Amino acid sequence: MSKEQFQDQKELEKDKEAAAKAYEKARKEAAKEFWSMQSKEVKKRIKKNNKKRSWETKQRKRR
């Protein structure tokens, strides 16, 4: 592999890493906005449903 190809590969990896970081930041911002828009009761209900779903999944795996 020539030095130029190595540099190109390195730049591509940096671009890929930057894109992944930007995607993760956008995802976190969207989640933050979603939760800030929910009322306290809805947050409780969602949390309770997630716990119940998790428990049910564990029960199914045991069988």
PDB file of N, CA and C in Angstrom:
ATOM      1  N   MET A   1       0.859  -1.175   0.000  1.00  0.00           N
ATOM      2  CA  MET A   1       0.000   0.000   0.000  1.00  0.00           C
ATOM      3  C   MET A   1       0.901   1.232   0.000  1.00  0.00           C
ATOM      4  N   SER A   2       0.632   2.133  -0.925  1.00  0.00           N
ATOM      5  CA  SER A   2       1.462   3.331  -1.004  1.00  0.00           C
ATOM      6  C   SER A   2       1.059   4.332   0.075  1.00  0.00           C
ATOM      7  N   LYS A   3       1.901   5.306   0.246  1.00  0.00           N
ATOM      8  CA  LYS A   3       1.669   6.319   1.276  1.00  0.00           C
ATOM      9  C   LYS A   3       0.382   7.107   0.992  1.00  0.00           C
ATOM     10  N   GLU A   4       0.140   7.354  -0.290  1.00  0.00           N
ATOM     11  CA  GLU A   4      -1.056   8.102  -0.687  1.00  0.00           C
ATOM     12  C   GLU A   4      -2.328   7.313  -0.378  1.00  0.00           C
ATOM     13  N   GLN A   5      -2.316   6.038  -0.669  1.00  0.00           N
ATOM     14  CA  GLN A   5      -3.469   5.193  -0.366  1.00  0.00           C
ATOM     15  C   GLN A   5      -3.711   5.122   1.130  1.00  0.00           C
ATOM     16  N   PHE A   6      -2.630   5.068   1.883  1.00  0.00           N
ATOM     17  CA  PHE A   6      -2.740   5.032   3.330  1.00  0.00           C
ATOM     18  C   PHE A   6      -3.390   6.315   3.848  1.00  0.00           C
ATOM     19  N   GLN A   7      -2.995   7.458   3.309  1.00  0.00           N
ATOM     20  CA  GLN A   7      -3.569   8.751   3.701  1.00  0.00           C
ATOM     21  C   GLN A   7      -5.063   8.792   3.363  1.00  0.00           C
ATOM     22  N   ASP A   8      -5.404   8.309   2.160  1.00  0.00           N
ATOM     23  CA  ASP A   8      -6.813   8.287   1.743  1.00  0.00           C
ATOM     24  C   ASP A   8      -7.644   7.420   2.679  1.00  0.00           C
ATOM     25  N   GLN A   9      -7.097   6.266   3.028  1.00  0.00           N
ATOM     26  CA  GLN A   9      -7.802   5.352   3.926  1.00  0.00           C
ATOM     27  C   GLN A   9      -8.025   6.008   5.276  1.00  0.00           C
ATOM     28  N   LYS A  10      -7.004   6.710   5.761  1.00  0.00           N
ATOM     29  CA  LYS A  10      -7.077   7.386   7.049  1.00  0.00           C
ATOM     30  C   LYS A  10      -8.149   8.480   7.036  1.00  0.00           C
ATOM     31  N   GLU A  11      -8.211   9.232   5.926  1.00  0.00           N
ATOM     32  CA  GLU A  11      -9.219  10.291   5.795  1.00  0.00           C
ATOM     33  C   GLU A  11     -10.622   9.702   5.740  1.00  0.00           C
ATOM     34  N   LEU A  12     -10.785   8.603   5.050  1.00  0.00           N
ATOM     35  CA  LEU A  12     -12.094   7.955   4.979  1.00  0.00           C
ATOM     36  C   LEU A  12     -12.550   7.486   6.363  1.00  0.00           C
ATOM     37  N   GLU A  13     -11.630   6.949   7.130  1.00  0.00           N
ATOM     38  CA  GLU A  13     -11.963   6.506   8.483  1.00  0.00           C
ATOM     39  C   GLU A  13     -12.364   7.678   9.363  1.00  0.00           C
ATOM     40  N   LYS A  14     -11.660   8.806   9.220  1.00  0.00           N
ATOM     41  CA  LYS A  14     -12.006  10.002   9.995  1.00  0.00           C
ATOM     42  C   LYS A  14     -13.393  10.513   9.624  1.00  0.00           C
ATOM     43  N   ASP A  15     -13.686  10.529   8.312  1.00  0.00           N
ATOM     44  CA  ASP A  15     -15.007  10.976   7.855  1.00  0.00           C
ATOM     45  C   ASP A  15     -16.103  10.067   8.383  1.00  0.00           C
ATOM     46  N   LYS A  16     -15.841   8.769   8.347  1.00  0.00           N
ATOM     47  CA  LYS A  16     -16.823   7.798   8.829  1.00  0.00           C
ATOM     48  C   LYS A  16     -17.068   7.988  10.325  1.00  0.00           C
ATOM     49  N   GLU A  17     -16.009   8.211  11.078  1.00  0.00           N
ATOM     50  CA  GLU A  17     -16.123   8.429  12.518  1.00  0.00           C
ATOM     51  C   GLU A  17     -16.888   9.721  12.819  1.00  0.00           C
ATOM     52  N   ALA A  18     -16.608  10.775  12.050  1.00  0.00           N
ATOM     53  CA  ALA A  18     -17.305  12.048  12.246  1.00  0.00           C
ATOM     54  C   ALA A  18     -18.792  11.903  11.940  1.00  0.00           C
ATOM     55  N   ALA A  19     -19.116  11.162  10.889  1.00  0.00           N
ATOM     56  CA  ALA A  19     -20.517  10.943  10.530  1.00  0.00           C
ATOM     57  C   ALA A  19     -21.229  10.154  11.623  1.00  0.00           C
ATOM     58  N   ALA A  20     -20.559   9.161  12.180  1.00  0.00           N
ATOM     59  CA  ALA A  20     -21.154   8.364  13.252  1.00  0.00           C
ATOM     60  C   ALA A  20     -21.403   9.229  14.487  1.00  0.00           C
ATOM     61  N   LYS A  21     -20.464  10.106  14.789  1.00  0.00           N
ATOM     62  CA  LYS A  21     -20.626  11.009  15.935  1.00  0.00           C
ATOM     63  C   LYS A  21     -21.801  11.953  15.728  1.00  0.00           C
ATOM     64  N   ALA A  22     -21.910  12.500  14.527  1.00  0.00           N
ATOM     65  CA  ALA A  22     -23.011  13.423  14.223  1.00  0.00           C
ATOM     66  C   ALA A  22     -24.346  12.701  14.312  1.00  0.00           C
ATOM     67  N   TYR A  23     -24.411  11.466  13.818  1.00  0.00           N
ATOM     68  CA  TYR A  23     -25.640  10.684  13.883  1.00  0.00           C
ATOM     69  C   TYR A  23     -26.033  10.435  15.333  1.00  0.00           C
ATOM     70  N   GLU A  24     -25.067  10.050  16.150  1.00  0.00           N
ATOM     71  CA  GLU A  24     -25.338   9.754  17.560  1.00  0.00           C
ATOM     72  C   GLU A  24     -25.816  11.016  18.292  1.00  0.00           C
ATOM     73  N   LYS A  25     -25.211  12.148  17.977  1.00  0.00           N
ATOM     74  CA  LYS A  25     -25.613  13.408  18.613  1.00  0.00           C
ATOM     75  C   LYS A  25     -27.048  13.766  18.227  1.00  0.00           C
ATOM     76  N   ALA A  26     -27.378  13.604  16.953  1.00  0.00           N
ATOM     77  CA  ALA A  26     -28.735  13.899  16.483  1.00  0.00           C
ATOM     78  C   ALA A  26     -29.749  12.968  17.138  1.00  0.00           C
ATOM     79  N   ARG A  27     -29.371  11.694  17.270  1.00  0.00           N
ATOM     80  CA  ARG A  27     -30.267  10.721  17.902  1.00  0.00           C
ATOM     81  C   ARG A  27     -30.525  11.085  19.363  1.00  0.00           C
ATOM     82  N   LYS A  28     -29.472  11.491  20.062  1.00  0.00           N
ATOM     83  CA  LYS A  28     -29.621  11.876  21.463  1.00  0.00           C
ATOM     84  C   LYS A  28     -30.488  13.125  21.602  1.00  0.00           C
ATOM     85  N   GLU A  29     -30.289  14.093  20.721  1.00  0.00           N
ATOM     86  CA  GLU A  29     -31.096  15.310  20.761  1.00  0.00           C
ATOM     87  C   GLU A  29     -32.568  15.002  20.510  1.00  0.00           C
ATOM     88  N   ALA A  30     -32.847  14.110  19.562  1.00  0.00           N
ATOM     89  CA  ALA A  30     -34.233  13.743  19.258  1.00  0.00           C
ATOM     90  C   ALA A  30     -34.869  13.050  20.460  1.00  0.00           C
ATOM     91  N   ALA A  31     -34.117  12.175  21.113  1.00  0.00           N
ATOM     92  CA  ALA A  31     -34.648  11.480  22.290  1.00  0.00           C
ATOM     93  C   ALA A  31     -34.900  12.477  23.417  1.00  0.00           C
ATOM     94  N   LYS A  32     -33.988  13.406  23.594  1.00  0.00           N
ATOM     95  CA  LYS A  32     -34.133  14.418  24.642  1.00  0.00           C
ATOM     96  C   LYS A  32     -35.376  15.275  24.393  1.00  0.00           C
ATOM     97  N   GLU A  33     -35.568  15.668  23.132  1.00  0.00           N
ATOM     98  CA  GLU A  33     -36.743  16.473  22.782  1.00  0.00           C
ATOM     99  C   GLU A  33     -38.024  15.677  22.991  1.00  0.00           C
ATOM    100  N   PHE A  34     -38.018  14.401  22.600  1.00  0.00           N
ATOM    101  CA  PHE A  34     -39.198  13.552  22.779  1.00  0.00           C
ATOM    102  C   PHE A  34     -39.592  13.486  24.251  1.00  0.00           C
ATOM    103  N   TRP A  35     -38.605  13.203  25.127  1.00  0.00           N
ATOM    104  CA  TRP A  35     -38.918  13.050  26.543  1.00  0.00           C
ATOM    105  C   TRP A  35     -39.317  14.370  27.183  1.00  0.00           C
ATOM    106  N   SER A  36     -38.769  15.481  26.713  1.00  0.00           N
ATOM    107  CA  SER A  36     -39.142  16.769  27.305  1.00  0.00           C
ATOM    108  C   SER A  36     -40.579  17.147  26.960  1.00  0.00           C
ATOM    109  N   MET A  37     -41.107  16.588  25.867  1.00  0.00           N
ATOM    110  CA  MET A  37     -42.475  16.895  25.454  1.00  0.00           C
ATOM    111  C   MET A  37     -43.509  16.034  26.176  1.00  0.00           C
ATOM    112  N   GLN A  38     -43.088  14.968  26.837  1.00  0.00           N
ATOM    113  CA  GLN A  38     -44.019  14.045  27.481  1.00  0.00           C
ATOM    114  C   GLN A  38     -44.381  14.524  28.892  1.00  0.00           C
ATOM    115  N   SER A  39     -45.608  14.251  29.288  1.00  0.00           N
ATOM    116  CA  SER A  39     -46.041  14.595  30.634  1.00  0.00           C
ATOM    117  C   SER A  39     -45.505  13.574  31.627  1.00  0.00           C
ATOM    118  N   LYS A  40     -45.599  13.885  32.900  1.00  0.00           N
ATOM    119  CA  LYS A  40     -45.091  12.992  33.942  1.00  0.00           C
ATOM    120  C   LYS A  40     -45.832  11.650  33.921  1.00  0.00           C
ATOM    121  N   GLU A  41     -47.139  11.681  33.707  1.00  0.00           N
ATOM    122  CA  GLU A  41     -47.926  10.454  33.698  1.00  0.00           C
ATOM    123  C   GLU A  41     -47.524   9.553  32.526  1.00  0.00           C
ATOM    124  N   VAL A  42     -47.284  10.160  31.373  1.00  0.00           N
ATOM    125  CA  VAL A  42     -46.899   9.385  30.197  1.00  0.00           C
ATOM    126  C   VAL A  42     -45.533   8.757  30.420  1.00  0.00           C
ATOM    127  N   LYS A  43     -44.609   9.508  31.006  1.00  0.00           N
ATOM    128  CA  LYS A  43     -43.279   8.972  31.293  1.00  0.00           C
ATOM    129  C   LYS A  43     -43.377   7.762  32.212  1.00  0.00           C
ATOM    130  N   LYS A  44     -44.231   7.850  33.238  1.00  0.00           N
ATOM    131  CA  LYS A  44     -44.420   6.728  34.163  1.00  0.00           C
ATOM    132  C   LYS A  44     -44.991   5.511  33.434  1.00  0.00           C
ATOM    133  N   ARG A  45     -45.988   5.748  32.590  1.00  0.00           N
ATOM    134  CA  ARG A  45     -46.639   4.656  31.870  1.00  0.00           C
ATOM    135  C   ARG A  45     -45.655   3.965  30.915  1.00  0.00           C
ATOM    136  N   ILE A  46     -44.865   4.761  30.209  1.00  0.00           N
ATOM    137  CA  ILE A  46     -43.887   4.190  29.286  1.00  0.00           C
ATOM    138  C   ILE A  46     -42.860   3.361  30.052  1.00  0.00           C
ATOM    139  N   LYS A  47     -42.390   3.886  31.176  1.00  0.00           N
ATOM    140  CA  LYS A  47     -41.407   3.169  31.980  1.00  0.00           C
ATOM    141  C   LYS A  47     -41.989   1.847  32.491  1.00  0.00           C
ATOM    142  N   LYS A  48     -43.232   1.893  32.956  1.00  0.00           N
ATOM    143  CA  LYS A  48     -43.894   0.695  33.463  1.00  0.00           C
ATOM    144  C   LYS A  48     -44.083  -0.336  32.349  1.00  0.00           C
ATOM    145  N   ASN A  49     -44.503   0.110  31.165  1.00  0.00           N
ATOM    146  CA  ASN A  49     -44.707  -0.798  30.042  1.00  0.00           C
ATOM    147  C   ASN A  49     -43.389  -1.439  29.607  1.00  0.00           C
ATOM    148  N   ASN A  50     -42.308  -0.650  29.602  1.00  0.00           N
ATOM    149  CA  ASN A  50     -41.001  -1.192  29.227  1.00  0.00           C
ATOM    150  C   ASN A  50     -40.542  -2.253  30.213  1.00  0.00           C
ATOM    151  N   LYS A  51     -40.775  -2.023  31.493  1.00  0.00           N
ATOM    152  CA  LYS A  51     -40.409  -3.015  32.509  1.00  0.00           C
ATOM    153  C   LYS A  51     -41.212  -4.295  32.313  1.00  0.00           C
ATOM    154  N   LYS A  52     -42.519  -4.139  32.063  1.00  0.00           N
ATOM    155  CA  LYS A  52     -43.384  -5.300  31.868  1.00  0.00           C
ATOM    156  C   LYS A  52     -42.959  -6.082  30.630  1.00  0.00           C
ATOM    157  N   ARG A  53     -42.661  -5.388  29.543  1.00  0.00           N
ATOM    158  CA  ARG A  53     -42.238  -6.032  28.308  1.00  0.00           C
ATOM    159  C   ARG A  53     -40.914  -6.771  28.521  1.00  0.00           C
ATOM    160  N   SER A  54     -40.006  -6.150  29.256  1.00  0.00           N
ATOM    161  CA  SER A  54     -38.721  -6.784  29.555  1.00  0.00           C
ATOM    162  C   SER A  54     -38.927  -8.052  30.372  1.00  0.00           C
ATOM    163  N   TRP A  55     -39.796  -7.984  31.361  1.00  0.00           N
ATOM    164  CA  TRP A  55     -40.085  -9.146  32.207  1.00  0.00           C
ATOM    165  C   TRP A  55     -40.688 -10.270  31.373  1.00  0.00           C
ATOM    166  N   GLU A  56     -41.645  -9.917  30.492  1.00  0.00           N
ATOM    167  CA  GLU A  56     -42.286 -10.923  29.648  1.00  0.00           C
ATOM    168  C   GLU A  56     -41.284 -11.582  28.710  1.00  0.00           C
ATOM    169  N   THR A  57     -40.360 -10.800  28.181  1.00  0.00           N
ATOM    170  CA  THR A  57     -39.332 -11.346  27.300  1.00  0.00           C
ATOM    171  C   THR A  57     -38.462 -12.341  28.050  1.00  0.00           C
ATOM    172  N   LYS A  58     -38.076 -11.997  29.260  1.00  0.00           N
ATOM    173  CA  LYS A  58     -37.265 -12.897  30.073  1.00  0.00           C
ATOM    174  C   LYS A  58     -38.023 -14.199  30.356  1.00  0.00           C
ATOM    175  N   GLN A  59     -39.315 -14.089  30.630  1.00  0.00           N
ATOM    176  CA  GLN A  59     -40.120 -15.276  30.907  1.00  0.00           C
ATOM    177  C   GLN A  59     -40.192 -16.182  29.693  1.00  0.00           C
ATOM    178  N   ARG A  60     -40.341 -15.588  28.498  1.00  0.00           N
ATOM    179  CA  ARG A  60     -40.415 -16.384  27.276  1.00  0.00           C
ATOM    180  C   ARG A  60     -39.096 -17.099  27.015  1.00  0.00           C
ATOM    181  N   LYS A  61     -37.974 -16.443  27.303  1.00  0.00           N
ATOM    182  CA  LYS A  61     -36.663 -17.055  27.074  1.00  0.00           C
ATOM    183  C   LYS A  61     -36.432 -18.240  28.005  1.00  0.00           C
ATOM    184  N   ARG A  62     -37.021 -18.219  29.181  1.00  0.00           N
ATOM    185  CA  ARG A  62     -36.837 -19.301  30.138  1.00  0.00           C
ATOM    186  C   ARG A  62     -37.523 -20.584  29.711  1.00  0.00           C
ATOM    187  N   ARG A  63     -38.542 -20.461  28.909  1.00  0.00           N
ATOM    188  CA  ARG A  63     -39.328 -21.628  28.500  1.00  0.00           C
ATOM    189  C   ARG A  63     -38.684 -22.406  27.408  1.00  0.00           C
TER     190      ARG A  63
END
